[in-house]
C-alpha atoms as a PDB file:
ATOM      1  CA  MET A   1      77.356  99.957 104.934  1.00  0.00           C
ATOM      2  CA  GLY A   2      73.621  99.836 105.174  1.00  0.00           C
ATOM      3  CA  ARG A   3      71.982 102.838 106.870  1.00  0.00           C
ATOM      4  CA  PHE A   4      75.307 104.247 108.043  1.00  0.00           C
ATOM      5  CA  HIS A   5      77.403 106.600 105.919  1.00  0.00           C
ATOM      6  CA  ARG A   6      80.831 108.092 106.615  1.00  0.00           C
ATOM      7  CA  HIS A   7      81.975 111.191 104.751  1.00  0.00           C
ATOM      8  CA  PRO A   8      85.622 111.807 103.752  1.00  0.00           C
ATOM      9  CA  ASP A   9      85.960 114.380 106.536  1.00  0.00           C
ATOM     10  CA  GLY A  10      85.125 111.707 109.120  1.00  0.00           C
ATOM     11  CA  THR A  11      81.559 112.812 109.869  1.00  0.00           C
ATOM     12  CA  THR A  12      78.859 110.155 109.881  1.00  0.00           C
ATOM     13  CA  HIS A  13      75.107 109.998 109.733  1.00  0.00           C
ATOM     14  CA  GLU A  14      72.258 107.524 109.691  1.00  0.00           C
ATOM     15  CA  TYR A  15      69.587 107.430 106.986  1.00  0.00           C
ATOM     16  CA  ASP A  16      65.861 107.214 107.569  1.00  0.00           C
ATOM     17  CA  ASP A  17      64.342 103.805 106.827  1.00  0.00           C
ATOM     18  CA  ASP A  18      62.652 105.134 103.693  1.00  0.00           C
ATOM     19  CA  HIS A  19      65.738 106.983 102.470  1.00  0.00           C
ATOM     20  CA  ASP A  20      66.367 106.435  98.754  1.00  0.00           C
ATOM     21  CA  ASP A  21      67.602 109.480  96.902  1.00  0.00           C
ATOM     22  CA  GLY A  22      69.034 107.583  93.957  1.00  0.00           C
ATOM     23  CA  HIS A  23      72.461 108.557  95.201  1.00  0.00           C
ATOM     24  CA  HIS A  24      73.035 106.419  98.286  1.00  0.00           C
ATOM     25  CA  GLY A  25      70.468 103.743  97.445  1.00  0.00           C
ATOM     26  CA  ASP A  26      67.558 102.191  99.272  1.00  0.00           C
ATOM     27  CA  HIS A  27      68.506 101.214 102.837  1.00  0.00           C
ATOM     28  CA  ARG A  28      65.101  99.956 103.997  1.00  0.00           C
ATOM     29  CA  GLY A  29      66.440  96.405 104.259  1.00  0.00           C
ATOM     30  CA  TYR A  30      68.304  97.513 107.393  1.00  0.00           C
ATOM     31  CA  ALA A  31      65.158  98.648 109.209  1.00  0.00           C
ATOM     32  CA  VAL A  32      65.574  96.032 111.961  1.00  0.00           C
ATOM     33  CA  THR A  33      69.348  95.967 112.387  1.00  0.00           C
ATOM     34  CA  GLY A  34      70.090  99.556 111.402  1.00  0.00           C
ATOM     35  CA  THR A  35      70.526 101.081 114.865  1.00  0.00           C
ATOM     36  CA  SER A  36      72.815  98.320 116.113  1.00  0.00           C
ATOM     37  CA  ARG A  37      74.776  98.407 112.873  1.00  0.00           C
ATOM     38  CA  VAL A  38      75.351 102.144 113.174  1.00  0.00           C
ATOM     39  CA  ALA A  39      76.512 101.821 116.781  1.00  0.00           C
ATOM     40  CA  VAL A  40      79.009  99.095 115.923  1.00  0.00           C
ATOM     41  CA  LEU A  41      80.411 100.967 112.928  1.00  0.00           C
ATOM     42  CA  GLU A  42      80.698 104.183 114.882  1.00  0.00           C
ATOM     43  CA  ASP A  43      82.658 102.314 117.556  1.00  0.00           C
ATOM     44  CA  ILE A  44      84.963 100.815 114.905  1.00  0.00           C
ATOM     45  CA  PHE A  45      85.699 104.189 113.328  1.00  0.00           C
ATOM     46  CA  SER A  46      86.072 105.900 116.701  1.00  0.00           C
ATOM     47  CA  GLU A  47      88.734 103.411 117.817  1.00  0.00           C
ATOM     48  CA  ASN A  48      90.434 103.610 114.423  1.00  0.00           C
ATOM     49  CA  ASP A  49      90.584 107.395 114.578  1.00  0.00           C
ATOM     50  CA  ARG A  50      92.019 107.270 118.112  1.00  0.00           C
ATOM     51  CA  VAL A  51      94.863 105.026 116.939  1.00  0.00           C
ATOM     52  CA  ALA A  52      95.299 107.183 113.815  1.00  0.00           C
ATOM     53  CA  ASP A  53      95.931 110.155 116.106  1.00  0.00           C
ATOM     54  CA  GLU A  54      98.565 108.094 117.929  1.00  0.00           C
ATOM     55  CA  ASN A  55     100.186 107.218 114.606  1.00  0.00           C
ATOM     56  CA  ARG A  56     100.205 110.867 113.585  1.00  0.00           C
ATOM     57  CA  LYS A  57     101.930 111.805 116.844  1.00  0.00           C
ATOM     58  CA  CYS A  58     104.466 109.037 116.234  1.00  0.00           C
ATOM     59  CA  PHE A  59     105.190 110.455 112.776  1.00  0.00           C
ATOM     60  CA  ALA A  60     105.513 113.957 114.193  1.00  0.00           C
ATOM     61  CA  ASP A  61     107.904 112.825 116.920  1.00  0.00           C
ATOM     62  CA  ALA A  62     110.044 111.068 114.298  1.00  0.00           C
ATOM     63  CA  GLY A  63     109.919 114.011 111.884  1.00  0.00           C
ATOM     64  CA  VAL A  64     108.559 111.916 109.005  1.00  0.00           C
ATOM     65  CA  ARG A  65     105.821 112.750 106.506  1.00  0.00           C
ATOM     66  CA  THR A  66     103.441 109.977 105.458  1.00  0.00           C
ATOM     67  CA  VAL A  67     101.521 109.364 102.229  1.00  0.00           C
ATOM     68  CA  ASN A  68      98.740 106.768 102.022  1.00  0.00           C
ATOM     69  CA  LEU A  69      98.908 105.300  98.488  1.00  0.00           C
ATOM     70  CA  MET A  70      95.786 103.491  97.282  1.00  0.00           C
ATOM     71  CA  SER A  71      94.396 101.909  94.113  1.00  0.00           C
ATOM     72  CA  SER A  72      92.461  98.973  92.749  1.00  0.00           C
ATOM     73  CA  PRO A  73      94.382  95.685  92.353  1.00  0.00           C
ATOM     74  CA  GLY A  74      96.745  95.748  89.388  1.00  0.00           C
ATOM     75  CA  ALA A  75      96.716  99.505  88.822  1.00  0.00           C
ATOM     76  CA  GLY A  76     100.490  99.636  89.242  1.00  0.00           C
ATOM     77  CA  LYS A  77     101.245 100.904  92.751  1.00  0.00           C
ATOM     78  CA  THR A  78     104.229  98.627  93.297  1.00  0.00           C
ATOM     79  CA  SER A  79     105.634  99.212  89.811  1.00  0.00           C
ATOM     80  CA  LEU A  80     105.345 102.952  90.354  1.00  0.00           C
ATOM     81  CA  LEU A  81     107.077 102.663  93.724  1.00  0.00           C
ATOM     82  CA  THR A  82     110.022 100.738  92.297  1.00  0.00           C
ATOM     83  CA  ARG A  83     110.470 103.529  89.719  1.00  0.00           C
ATOM     84  CA  THR A  84     110.056 106.096  92.488  1.00  0.00           C
ATOM     85  CA  LEU A  85     112.729 104.559  94.690  1.00  0.00           C
ATOM     86  CA  GLY A  86     115.159 104.497  91.779  1.00  0.00           C
ATOM     87  CA  GLU A  87     114.389 108.120  90.916  1.00  0.00           C
ATOM     88  CA  LEU A  88     114.767 109.404  94.484  1.00  0.00           C
ATOM     89  CA  ALA A  89     117.720 107.248  95.503  1.00  0.00           C
ATOM     90  CA  GLY A  90     120.212 109.344  97.449  1.00  0.00           C
ATOM     91  CA  THR A  91     117.924 112.382  97.691  1.00  0.00           C
ATOM     92  CA  MET A  92     115.760 111.392 100.650  1.00  0.00           C
ATOM     93  CA  ARG A  93     115.305 108.566 103.123  1.00  0.00           C
ATOM     94  CA  ILE A  94     112.176 106.589 102.260  1.00  0.00           C
ATOM     95  CA  GLY A  95     110.284 103.854 104.048  1.00  0.00           C
ATOM     96  CA  ILE A  96     107.541 101.647 102.626  1.00  0.00           C
ATOM     97  CA  LEU A  97     104.843 100.021 104.716  1.00  0.00           C
ATOM     98  CA  GLU A  98     103.483  97.369 102.362  1.00  0.00           C
ATOM     99  CA  GLY A  99      99.910  96.167 102.894  1.00  0.00           C
ATOM    100  CA  ASP A 100      98.594  92.980 101.302  1.00  0.00           C
ATOM    101  CA  ILE A 101      96.019  90.393 102.264  1.00  0.00           C
ATOM    102  CA  ALA A 102      98.574  87.610 101.785  1.00  0.00           C
ATOM    103  CA  THR A 103     102.112  86.880 100.498  1.00  0.00           C
ATOM    104  CA  SER A 104     105.230  89.049 100.476  1.00  0.00           C
ATOM    105  CA  ILE A 105     105.341  89.331  96.673  1.00  0.00           C
ATOM    106  CA  ASP A 106     105.081  93.119  96.474  1.00  0.00           C
ATOM    107  CA  ALA A 107     107.288  93.715  99.520  1.00  0.00           C
ATOM    108  CA  ASP A 108     109.948  91.479  97.975  1.00  0.00           C
ATOM    109  CA  ARG A 109     109.814  93.515  94.738  1.00  0.00           C
ATOM    110  CA  LEU A 110     110.590  96.670  96.703  1.00  0.00           C
ATOM    111  CA  GLU A 111     113.661  95.258  98.439  1.00  0.00           C
ATOM    112  CA  GLY A 112     117.072  96.298  97.168  1.00  0.00           C
ATOM    113  CA  PHE A 113     116.156  99.873  96.207  1.00  0.00           C
ATOM    114  CA  GLY A 114     117.499 101.489  99.365  1.00  0.00           C
ATOM    115  CA  ALA A 115     114.184 101.862 101.189  1.00  0.00           C
ATOM    116  CA  ALA A 116     113.251 100.418 104.556  1.00  0.00           C
ATOM    117  CA  VAL A 117     110.354  98.009 103.906  1.00  0.00           C
ATOM    118  CA  ALA A 118     107.898  96.513 106.400  1.00  0.00           C
ATOM    119  CA  LEU A 119     105.082  94.141 105.475  1.00  0.00           C
ATOM    120  CA  VAL A 120     101.606  93.909 106.988  1.00  0.00           C
ATOM    121  CA  ASN A 121      99.525  90.934 105.843  1.00  0.00           C
ATOM    122  CA  THR A 122      95.906  91.463 106.836  1.00  0.00           C
ATOM    123  CA  SER A 123      95.280  87.698 106.781  1.00  0.00           C
ATOM    124  CA  ALA A 124      97.781  87.275 109.621  1.00  0.00           C
ATOM    125  CA  GLY A 125      95.692  88.114 112.654  1.00  0.00           C
ATOM    126  CA  PHE A 126      93.473  90.793 111.131  1.00  0.00           C
ATOM    127  CA  GLY A 127      90.862  88.635 109.380  1.00  0.00           C
ATOM    128  CA  GLY A 128      92.024  89.156 105.804  1.00  0.00           C
ATOM    129  CA  GLU A 129      90.727  92.721 105.559  1.00  0.00           C
ATOM    130  CA  CYS A 130      90.637  94.451 102.150  1.00  0.00           C
ATOM    131  CA  HIS A 131      92.262  97.603 103.566  1.00  0.00           C
ATOM    132  CA  LEU A 132      94.767  98.833 106.098  1.00  0.00           C
ATOM    133  CA  ASP A 133      93.353 100.587 109.134  1.00  0.00           C
ATOM    134  CA  ALA A 134      95.197 102.566 111.788  1.00  0.00           C
ATOM    135  CA  VAL A 135      95.754  99.532 114.037  1.00  0.00           C
ATOM    136  CA  MET A 136      97.313  97.539 111.203  1.00  0.00           C
ATOM    137  CA  VAL A 137      99.591 100.441 110.293  1.00  0.00           C
ATOM    138  CA  ARG A 138     100.528 100.796 113.948  1.00  0.00           C
ATOM    139  CA  SER A 139     101.578  97.139 114.009  1.00  0.00           C
ATOM    140  CA  GLY A 140     104.014  97.709 111.142  1.00  0.00           C
ATOM    141  CA  LEU A 141     105.622 100.887 112.441  1.00  0.00           C
ATOM    142  CA  ALA A 142     107.719  99.039 115.024  1.00  0.00           C
ATOM    143  CA  ARG A 143     109.565  97.350 112.139  1.00  0.00           C
ATOM    144  CA  LEU A 144     110.546 100.652 110.522  1.00  0.00           C
ATOM    145  CA  PRO A 145     113.313 103.076 111.577  1.00  0.00           C
ATOM    146  CA  LEU A 146     110.971 106.075 111.559  1.00  0.00           C
ATOM    147  CA  ALA A 147     113.490 108.479 113.085  1.00  0.00           C
ATOM    148  CA  GLU A 148     115.820 107.764 110.152  1.00  0.00           C
ATOM    149  CA  LEU A 149     113.219 108.501 107.451  1.00  0.00           C
ATOM    150  CA  ASP A 150     112.084 111.633 105.659  1.00  0.00           C
ATOM    151  CA  LEU A 151     109.077 110.041 103.930  1.00  0.00           C
ATOM    152  CA  LEU A 152     106.922 106.993 104.617  1.00  0.00           C
ATOM    153  CA  VAL A 153     104.700 105.628 101.857  1.00  0.00           C
ATOM    154  CA  ILE A 154     101.936 103.289 102.965  1.00  0.00           C
ATOM    155  CA  GLU A 155     101.062 101.030 100.041  1.00  0.00           C
ATOM    156  CA  ASN A 156      97.501 100.099 100.935  1.00  0.00           C
ATOM    157  CA  VAL A 157      95.702  96.906  99.986  1.00  0.00           C
ATOM    158  CA  GLY A 158      94.339  97.010  96.428  1.00  0.00           C
ATOM    159  CA  ASN A 159      90.696  98.057  96.702  1.00  0.00           C
ATOM    160  CA  LEU A 160      88.722 101.042  95.383  1.00  0.00           C
ATOM    161  CA  VAL A 161      86.347 101.273  98.352  1.00  0.00           C
ATOM    162  CA  CYS A 162      87.457 100.522 101.922  1.00  0.00           C
ATOM    163  CA  PRO A 163      90.998 102.002 102.106  1.00  0.00           C
ATOM    164  CA  ALA A 164      89.684 105.526 101.545  1.00  0.00           C
ATOM    165  CA  GLU A 165      87.347 105.289 104.543  1.00  0.00           C
ATOM    166  CA  PHE A 166      90.035 104.578 107.136  1.00  0.00           C
ATOM    167  CA  ASN A 167      92.265 107.350 108.442  1.00  0.00           C
ATOM    168  CA  VAL A 168      95.626 105.798 109.316  1.00  0.00           C
ATOM    169  CA  GLY A 169      97.374 108.979 110.465  1.00  0.00           C
ATOM    170  CA  GLU A 170      98.723 109.947 107.041  1.00  0.00           C
ATOM    171  CA  HIS A 171      99.474 113.522 106.020  1.00  0.00           C
ATOM    172  CA  ALA A 172      98.255 113.061 102.447  1.00  0.00           C
ATOM    173  CA  LYS A 173      96.374 110.532 100.345  1.00  0.00           C
ATOM    174  CA  ALA A 174      97.193 109.590  96.761  1.00  0.00           C
ATOM    175  CA  MET A 175      95.933 106.957  94.368  1.00  0.00           C
ATOM    176  CA  VAL A 176      97.134 105.180  91.266  1.00  0.00           C
ATOM    177  CA  TYR A 177      94.499 104.733  88.575  1.00  0.00           C
ATOM    178  CA  ALA A 178      95.157 102.678  85.426  1.00  0.00           C
ATOM    179  CA  VAL A 179      93.677 103.764  82.097  1.00  0.00           C
ATOM    180  CA  THR A 180      92.565 100.157  81.601  1.00  0.00           C
ATOM    181  CA  GLU A 181      89.960 100.649  84.340  1.00  0.00           C
ATOM    182  CA  GLY A 182      87.533 102.817  82.349  1.00  0.00           C
ATOM    183  CA  GLU A 183      86.473 106.450  82.318  1.00  0.00           C
ATOM    184  CA  GLU A 184      83.543 106.007  84.693  1.00  0.00           C
ATOM    185  CA  LYS A 185      85.400 104.945  87.840  1.00  0.00           C
ATOM    186  CA  PRO A 186      85.377 108.372  89.582  1.00  0.00           C
ATOM    187  CA  LEU A 187      81.583 108.338  89.315  1.00  0.00           C
ATOM    188  CA  LYS A 188      81.226 104.721  90.471  1.00  0.00           C
ATOM    189  CA  TYR A 189      83.738 104.978  93.328  1.00  0.00           C
ATOM    190  CA  PRO A 190      83.473 108.615  94.422  1.00  0.00           C
ATOM    191  CA  VAL A 191      84.618 108.079  98.027  1.00  0.00           C
ATOM    192  CA  MET A 192      88.094 107.029  96.887  1.00  0.00           C
ATOM    193  CA  PHE A 193      88.501 109.691  94.206  1.00  0.00           C
ATOM    194  CA  ARG A 194      87.084 112.400  96.471  1.00  0.00           C
ATOM    195  CA  ALA A 195      89.393 111.530  99.369  1.00  0.00           C
ATOM    196  CA  VAL A 196      92.740 111.842  97.598  1.00  0.00           C
ATOM    197  CA  ASP A 197      95.067 114.787  97.134  1.00  0.00           C
ATOM    198  CA  ALA A 198      96.710 113.382  93.998  1.00  0.00           C
ATOM    199  CA  VAL A 199      95.783 110.910  91.250  1.00  0.00           C
ATOM    200  CA  VAL A 200      98.492 109.222  89.201  1.00  0.00           C
ATOM    201  CA  VAL A 201      96.904 108.204  85.894  1.00  0.00           C
ATOM    202  CA  ASN A 202      99.076 105.197  85.131  1.00  0.00           C
ATOM    203  CA  LYS A 203      99.726 103.063  82.031  1.00  0.00           C
ATOM    204  CA  ILE A 204      99.365 105.966  79.597  1.00  0.00           C
ATOM    205  CA  ASP A 205     101.698 104.072  77.265  1.00  0.00           C
ATOM    206  CA  LEU A 206      98.689 101.846  76.522  1.00  0.00           C
ATOM    207  CA  LEU A 207      96.450 104.691  75.334  1.00  0.00           C
ATOM    208  CA  PRO A 208      97.143 104.094  71.601  1.00  0.00           C
ATOM    209  CA  HIS A 209      95.866 100.548  72.044  1.00  0.00           C
ATOM    210  CA  LEU A 210      92.721 101.281  74.046  1.00  0.00           C
ATOM    211  CA  ASP A 211      89.270 102.619  73.317  1.00  0.00           C
ATOM    212  CA  PHE A 212      89.604 105.053  76.204  1.00  0.00           C
ATOM    213  CA  ASP A 213      88.533 108.689  76.422  1.00  0.00           C
ATOM    214  CA  LEU A 214      91.091 110.412  78.654  1.00  0.00           C
ATOM    215  CA  ASP A 215      89.278 113.759  78.494  1.00  0.00           C
ATOM    216  CA  LEU A 216      86.054 112.113  79.698  1.00  0.00           C
ATOM    217  CA  PHE A 217      87.877 110.469  82.589  1.00  0.00           C
ATOM    218  CA  LEU A 218      89.440 113.783  83.599  1.00  0.00           C
ATOM    219  CA  ALA A 219      86.023 115.483  83.420  1.00  0.00           C
ATOM    220  CA  ASN A 220      84.534 112.777  85.647  1.00  0.00           C
ATOM    221  CA  LEU A 221      87.406 113.103  88.091  1.00  0.00           C
ATOM    222  CA  HIS A 222      87.063 116.893  88.153  1.00  0.00           C
ATOM    223  CA  ALA A 223      83.332 116.566  88.848  1.00  0.00           C
ATOM    224  CA  VAL A 224      84.074 114.447  91.926  1.00  0.00           C
ATOM    225  CA  ASN A 225      87.302 116.113  93.078  1.00  0.00           C
ATOM    226  CA  PRO A 226      88.111 119.416  91.369  1.00  0.00           C
ATOM    227  CA  THR A 227      91.249 120.055  93.459  1.00  0.00           C
ATOM    228  CA  ALA A 228      93.140 116.766  93.070  1.00  0.00           C
ATOM    229  CA  ARG A 229      96.588 116.969  91.477  1.00  0.00           C
ATOM    230  CA  VAL A 230      96.560 114.840  88.305  1.00  0.00           C
ATOM    231  CA  ILE A 231      99.795 113.253  87.100  1.00  0.00           C
ATOM    232  CA  GLN A 232      99.824 111.270  83.871  1.00  0.00           C
ATOM    233  CA  ALA A 233     102.458 108.556  84.040  1.00  0.00           C
ATOM    234  CA  SER A 234     103.697 105.179  82.918  1.00  0.00           C
ATOM    235  CA  ALA A 235     105.480 103.073  85.495  1.00  0.00           C
ATOM    236  CA  ARG A 236     106.647 100.832  82.640  1.00  0.00           C
ATOM    237  CA  THR A 237     108.337 103.527  80.536  1.00  0.00           C
ATOM    238  CA  GLY A 238     109.056 106.059  83.288  1.00  0.00           C
ATOM    239  CA  ALA A 239     106.986 108.821  81.687  1.00  0.00           C
ATOM    240  CA  GLY A 240     105.606 111.213  84.298  1.00  0.00           C
ATOM    241  CA  VAL A 241     107.438 109.520  87.172  1.00  0.00           C
ATOM    242  CA  GLY A 242     109.573 112.619  87.675  1.00  0.00           C
ATOM    243  CA  GLU A 243     106.465 114.749  88.207  1.00  0.00           C
ATOM    244  CA  TRP A 244     105.147 112.226  90.719  1.00  0.00           C
ATOM    245  CA  CYS A 245     108.480 112.293  92.544  1.00  0.00           C
ATOM    246  CA  GLU A 246     108.337 116.095  92.655  1.00  0.00           C
ATOM    247  CA  TRP A 247     104.930 115.847  94.321  1.00  0.00           C
ATOM    248  CA  LEU A 248     106.275 113.363  96.873  1.00  0.00           C
ATOM    249  CA  THR A 249     109.305 115.556  97.526  1.00  0.00           C
ATOM    250  CA  GLY A 250     106.962 118.451  98.164  1.00  0.00           C
ATOM    251  CA  GLN A 251     105.041 116.359 100.692  1.00  0.00           C
ATOM    252  CA  ALA A 252     108.256 115.470 102.515  1.00  0.00           C
ATOM    253  CA  ALA A 253     109.337 119.112 102.541  1.00  0.00           C
ATOM    254  CA  ALA A 254     106.047 120.243 104.061  1.00  0.00           C
ATOM    255  CA  LEU A 255     107.048 119.014 107.514  1.00  0.00           C
END
């Protein structure tokens, strides 16, 4: 974002033109446009956070808890959710707000499992954004029976960067990470890994076939986010899905 940086707690700051600490990078290329860029981004986040507060009030009025579920593309969010809906069928009332740039493929996969499903395509009037923001979530809420739900899961657009920066009014953030993505991802994408309350390490059934160091990944994750709940799972085999469902049930019960 150039000379503008937003922390997970919502605070922001601008870097000096000669700022290069080896951590955030050299932002001197924004010396001319930096001030205007910061002002625009601050306005964007300010409006987003205002709508996020409205969403949060809407959830509170309806008595529903909300989890923002994020990941990179192909990590297995939708597969995990189909397992989740089967596991929790009859135990709680669940809604899914499905976010995708285009198509209803994932939303269609989630139909028929007893959950209320609403789709938000970011290409339809939102410019094809690589994340859901509070306004987009707000647009989908009218198509969900919030007052009849115990838990709403927002399946965010697949992306390891932008979704973590936008507060949408959720009560908790979680992410699905696939072991095929490499051990270094918490270090390369710290904003996402730092922002979440839980990490589902998915596709563990593939570990015997991969040159992947699970202990190194967990060490990297702990270095970035020492408090995140870690759940090892396989959406394909069902391993660990029960533990994930227990975590979700705990979120719903926290109302």
